[in-house]
Amino acid sequence: MLILLLTACALKSTLAIMDAEQAVLAAERAGATELAVHDATMARAWLDEAQRNQGLARYHAAEQLAAQARTFAEQAAKQASVGAEGSAVVPEEKAPEPVAPEPEPEAPGEEQELMEVMGTPDEPRPPPPEEKKLDTEIFEDESP
């Protein structure tokens, strides 16, 4: 059950990231990196952050960040297409305020137990145990 839940979350966020990637690439092909620099830069930054969260198994946050990336990419593409048509004045649209990702939902039963045993990625790990020094006298050559 736990594996199915995690797989579903990962799949949903993966699809959201793929949609955002397509939107960012479309905006870049439309010339947004030159004509809508702010929105294109924000789209790429949000996408990078979504991918980073996906790598840390923060699927819910990754999905939300990917949605933000897609919004910025779509705005960048729109501004780039207006600018590419040769209009003298490109109307400046205010980009939406970034929305902080919602906190991850509380882990149910078995997942919570695993997190307690294994810890979370944010928790500092205890230092490794000190290596025991070998008794060098055992390995010394006893020949005369």
C-alpha atoms as a PDB file:
ATOM      1  CA  MET A   1       0.000   0.000   0.000  1.00  0.00           C
ATOM      2  CA  LEU A   2       2.801   2.372   0.912  1.00  0.00           C
ATOM      3  CA  ILE A   3       4.670   1.663  -2.305  1.00  0.00           C
ATOM      4  CA  LEU A   4       1.521   2.282  -4.331  1.00  0.00           C
ATOM      5  CA  LEU A   5       0.967   5.615  -2.573  1.00  0.00           C
ATOM      6  CA  LEU A   6       4.557   6.745  -3.138  1.00  0.00           C
ATOM      7  CA  THR A   7       4.461   5.637  -6.770  1.00  0.00           C
ATOM      8  CA  ALA A   8       1.263   7.599  -7.378  1.00  0.00           C
ATOM      9  CA  CYS A   9       2.747  10.747  -5.816  1.00  0.00           C
ATOM     10  CA  ALA A  10       5.958  10.391  -7.802  1.00  0.00           C
ATOM     11  CA  LEU A  11       4.064   9.846 -11.049  1.00  0.00           C
ATOM     12  CA  LYS A  12       1.842  12.876 -10.517  1.00  0.00           C
ATOM     13  CA  SER A  13       4.764  15.187  -9.796  1.00  0.00           C
ATOM     14  CA  THR A  14       6.769  13.711 -12.690  1.00  0.00           C
ATOM     15  CA  LEU A  15       3.941  14.514 -15.101  1.00  0.00           C
ATOM     16  CA  ALA A  16       3.698  18.062 -13.717  1.00  0.00           C
ATOM     17  CA  ILE A  17       7.455  18.532 -14.192  1.00  0.00           C
ATOM     18  CA  MET A  18       7.281  17.191 -17.742  1.00  0.00           C
ATOM     19  CA  ASP A  19       4.468  19.644 -18.559  1.00  0.00           C
ATOM     20  CA  ALA A  20       6.496  22.495 -17.081  1.00  0.00           C
ATOM     21  CA  GLU A  21       9.596  21.438 -19.052  1.00  0.00           C
ATOM     22  CA  GLN A  22       7.592  21.487 -22.290  1.00  0.00           C
ATOM     23  CA  ALA A  23       6.217  24.941 -21.464  1.00  0.00           C
ATOM     24  CA  VAL A  24       9.707  26.279 -20.641  1.00  0.00           C
ATOM     25  CA  LEU A  25      11.157  24.868 -23.867  1.00  0.00           C
ATOM     26  CA  ALA A  26       8.286  26.323 -25.899  1.00  0.00           C
ATOM     27  CA  ALA A  27       8.844  29.738 -24.312  1.00  0.00           C
ATOM     28  CA  GLU A  28      12.571  29.562 -25.033  1.00  0.00           C
ATOM     29  CA  ARG A  29      11.890  28.590 -28.674  1.00  0.00           C
ATOM     30  CA  ALA A  30       9.526  31.591 -28.913  1.00  0.00           C
ATOM     31  CA  GLY A  31      12.401  33.876 -27.908  1.00  0.00           C
ATOM     32  CA  ALA A  32      11.394  34.466 -24.307  1.00  0.00           C
ATOM     33  CA  THR A  33      15.010  34.458 -23.111  1.00  0.00           C
ATOM     34  CA  GLU A  34      15.498  37.726 -25.028  1.00  0.00           C
ATOM     35  CA  LEU A  35      11.981  39.194 -25.105  1.00  0.00           C
ATOM     36  CA  ALA A  36      10.614  38.192 -21.692  1.00  0.00           C
ATOM     37  CA  VAL A  37      13.757  37.741 -19.647  1.00  0.00           C
ATOM     38  CA  HIS A  38      12.196  37.937 -16.185  1.00  0.00           C
ATOM     39  CA  ASP A  39       9.435  35.401 -16.773  1.00  0.00           C
ATOM     40  CA  ALA A  40      11.735  33.056 -18.702  1.00  0.00           C
ATOM     41  CA  THR A  41      14.304  33.191 -15.899  1.00  0.00           C
ATOM     42  CA  MET A  42      11.659  32.615 -13.242  1.00  0.00           C
ATOM     43  CA  ALA A  43      10.202  29.688 -15.191  1.00  0.00           C
ATOM     44  CA  ARG A  44      13.609  28.017 -15.410  1.00  0.00           C
ATOM     45  CA  ALA A  45      14.331  28.682 -11.705  1.00  0.00           C
ATOM     46  CA  TRP A  46      10.988  27.228 -10.564  1.00  0.00           C
ATOM     47  CA  LEU A  47      11.511  24.208 -12.829  1.00  0.00           C
ATOM     48  CA  ASP A  48      14.982  23.606 -11.400  1.00  0.00           C
ATOM     49  CA  GLU A  49      13.566  23.816  -7.873  1.00  0.00           C
ATOM     50  CA  ALA A  50      10.759  21.405  -8.773  1.00  0.00           C
ATOM     51  CA  GLN A  51      13.304  18.913 -10.107  1.00  0.00           C
ATOM     52  CA  ARG A  52      15.411  19.296  -6.972  1.00  0.00           C
ATOM     53  CA  ASN A  53      12.398  18.607  -4.742  1.00  0.00           C
ATOM     54  CA  GLN A  54      11.461  15.623  -6.895  1.00  0.00           C
ATOM     55  CA  GLY A  55      14.958  14.252  -6.328  1.00  0.00           C
ATOM     56  CA  LEU A  56      14.467  14.638  -2.582  1.00  0.00           C
ATOM     57  CA  ALA A  57      11.167  12.712  -2.761  1.00  0.00           C
ATOM     58  CA  ARG A  58       9.186  15.845  -1.903  1.00  0.00           C
ATOM     59  CA  TYR A  59       6.593  15.026  -4.505  1.00  0.00           C
ATOM     60  CA  HIS A  60       3.838  17.362  -3.363  1.00  0.00           C
ATOM     61  CA  ALA A  61       6.189  20.360  -3.295  1.00  0.00           C
ATOM     62  CA  ALA A  62       7.677  19.345  -6.654  1.00  0.00           C
ATOM     63  CA  GLU A  63       4.231  19.302  -8.219  1.00  0.00           C
ATOM     64  CA  GLN A  64       3.392  22.780  -6.906  1.00  0.00           C
ATOM     65  CA  LEU A  65       6.728  24.216  -7.999  1.00  0.00           C
ATOM     66  CA  ALA A  66       6.278  22.712 -11.464  1.00  0.00           C
ATOM     67  CA  ALA A  67       2.893  24.428 -11.719  1.00  0.00           C
ATOM     68  CA  GLN A  68       4.561  27.760 -10.897  1.00  0.00           C
ATOM     69  CA  ALA A  69       7.230  27.095 -13.532  1.00  0.00           C
ATOM     70  CA  ARG A  70       4.564  26.377 -16.124  1.00  0.00           C
ATOM     71  CA  THR A  71       2.694  29.596 -15.268  1.00  0.00           C
ATOM     72  CA  PHE A  72       5.845  31.681 -15.720  1.00  0.00           C
ATOM     73  CA  ALA A  73       6.763  29.842 -18.922  1.00  0.00           C
ATOM     74  CA  GLU A  74       3.322  30.453 -20.429  1.00  0.00           C
ATOM     75  CA  GLN A  75       3.544  34.152 -19.568  1.00  0.00           C
ATOM     76  CA  ALA A  76       7.044  34.337 -21.044  1.00  0.00           C
ATOM     77  CA  ALA A  77       5.871  32.679 -24.269  1.00  0.00           C
ATOM     78  CA  LYS A  78       2.936  35.095 -24.490  1.00  0.00           C
ATOM     79  CA  GLN A  79       5.170  38.129 -23.975  1.00  0.00           C
ATOM     80  CA  ALA A  80       7.716  36.792 -26.468  1.00  0.00           C
ATOM     81  CA  SER A  81       5.061  36.261 -29.139  1.00  0.00           C
ATOM     82  CA  VAL A  82       3.733  39.788 -28.639  1.00  0.00           C
ATOM     83  CA  GLY A  83       7.276  41.199 -28.790  1.00  0.00           C
ATOM     84  CA  ALA A  84       8.189  39.104 -31.833  1.00  0.00           C
ATOM     85  CA  GLU A  85       5.209  40.455 -33.786  1.00  0.00           C
ATOM     86  CA  GLY A  86       7.002  43.787 -33.862  1.00  0.00           C
ATOM     87  CA  SER A  87       4.760  45.784 -31.590  1.00  0.00           C
ATOM     88  CA  ALA A  88       6.557  48.850 -30.402  1.00  0.00           C
ATOM     89  CA  VAL A  89       5.353  48.531 -26.851  1.00  0.00           C
ATOM     90  CA  VAL A  90       5.058  45.222 -25.091  1.00  0.00           C
ATOM     91  CA  PRO A  91       2.516  45.490 -22.319  1.00  0.00           C
ATOM     92  CA  GLU A  92       4.117  44.529 -19.078  1.00  0.00           C
ATOM     93  CA  GLU A  93       2.131  42.005 -17.158  1.00  0.00           C
ATOM     94  CA  LYS A  94       2.755  41.535 -13.520  1.00  0.00           C
ATOM     95  CA  ALA A  95       3.966  38.034 -12.820  1.00  0.00           C
ATOM     96  CA  PRO A  96       2.026  36.155 -10.201  1.00  0.00           C
ATOM     97  CA  GLU A  97       3.498  36.188  -6.767  1.00  0.00           C
ATOM     98  CA  PRO A  98       5.288  32.930  -6.050  1.00  0.00           C
ATOM     99  CA  VAL A  99       3.329  30.691  -3.756  1.00  0.00           C
ATOM    100  CA  ALA A 100       5.246  28.744  -1.182  1.00  0.00           C
ATOM    101  CA  PRO A 101       4.610  25.035  -1.468  1.00  0.00           C
ATOM    102  CA  GLU A 102       2.084  23.624   0.949  1.00  0.00           C
ATOM    103  CA  PRO A 103       3.569  21.476   3.674  1.00  0.00           C
ATOM    104  CA  GLU A 104       3.711  17.791   2.929  1.00  0.00           C
ATOM    105  CA  PRO A 105       0.655  15.929   4.194  1.00  0.00           C
ATOM    106  CA  GLU A 106       1.143  13.926   7.357  1.00  0.00           C
ATOM    107  CA  ALA A 107       2.607  10.529   6.589  1.00  0.00           C
ATOM    108  CA  PRO A 108       0.186   7.708   7.366  1.00  0.00           C
ATOM    109  CA  GLY A 109       0.965   4.681   9.562  1.00  0.00           C
ATOM    110  CA  GLU A 110       3.807   2.611   8.087  1.00  0.00           C
ATOM    111  CA  GLU A 111       5.414   5.577   6.344  1.00  0.00           C
ATOM    112  CA  GLN A 112       5.512   7.512   9.627  1.00  0.00           C
ATOM    113  CA  GLU A 113       7.189   4.554  11.331  1.00  0.00           C
ATOM    114  CA  LEU A 114       9.794   4.358   8.566  1.00  0.00           C
ATOM    115  CA  MET A 115      10.482   8.071   8.874  1.00  0.00           C
ATOM    116  CA  GLU A 116      10.985   7.700  12.626  1.00  0.00           C
ATOM    117  CA  VAL A 117      13.419   4.835  12.153  1.00  0.00           C
ATOM    118  CA  MET A 118      15.273   6.162   9.121  1.00  0.00           C
ATOM    119  CA  GLY A 119      14.897   9.896   9.681  1.00  0.00           C
ATOM    120  CA  THR A 120      14.038  12.483   7.044  1.00  0.00           C
ATOM    121  CA  PRO A 121      16.375  14.055   4.462  1.00  0.00           C
ATOM    122  CA  ASP A 122      16.293  17.341   6.415  1.00  0.00           C
ATOM    123  CA  GLU A 123      17.461  15.859   9.699  1.00  0.00           C
ATOM    124  CA  PRO A 124      21.180  16.000  10.388  1.00  0.00           C
ATOM    125  CA  ARG A 125      22.788  12.602  10.368  1.00  0.00           C
ATOM    126  CA  PRO A 126      24.802  11.484  13.392  1.00  0.00           C
ATOM    127  CA  PRO A 127      28.554  11.375  12.819  1.00  0.00           C
ATOM    128  CA  PRO A 128      29.917   7.980  11.826  1.00  0.00           C
ATOM    129  CA  PRO A 129      31.371   5.934  14.663  1.00  0.00           C
ATOM    130  CA  GLU A 130      35.065   6.333  15.225  1.00  0.00           C
ATOM    131  CA  GLU A 131      37.189   3.700  13.578  1.00  0.00           C
ATOM    132  CA  LYS A 132      38.822   1.341  15.965  1.00  0.00           C
ATOM    133  CA  LYS A 133      42.558   1.232  15.706  1.00  0.00           C
ATOM    134  CA  LEU A 134      44.058  -2.147  15.125  1.00  0.00           C
ATOM    135  CA  ASP A 135      46.509  -3.441  17.632  1.00  0.00           C
ATOM    136  CA  THR A 136      49.736  -3.071  15.667  1.00  0.00           C
ATOM    137  CA  GLU A 137      51.598  -5.474  17.925  1.00  0.00           C
ATOM    138  CA  ILE A 138      49.610  -8.376  16.493  1.00  0.00           C
ATOM    139  CA  PHE A 139      50.860  -7.634  13.003  1.00  0.00           C
ATOM    140  CA  GLU A 140      54.502  -6.971  13.837  1.00  0.00           C
ATOM    141  CA  ASP A 141      56.948  -9.498  12.543  1.00  0.00           C
ATOM    142  CA  GLU A 142      58.183 -11.672  15.377  1.00  0.00           C
ATOM    143  CA  SER A 143      61.095 -13.157  13.479  1.00  0.00           C
ATOM    144  CA  PRO A 144      64.578 -12.655  15.013  1.00  0.00           C
END
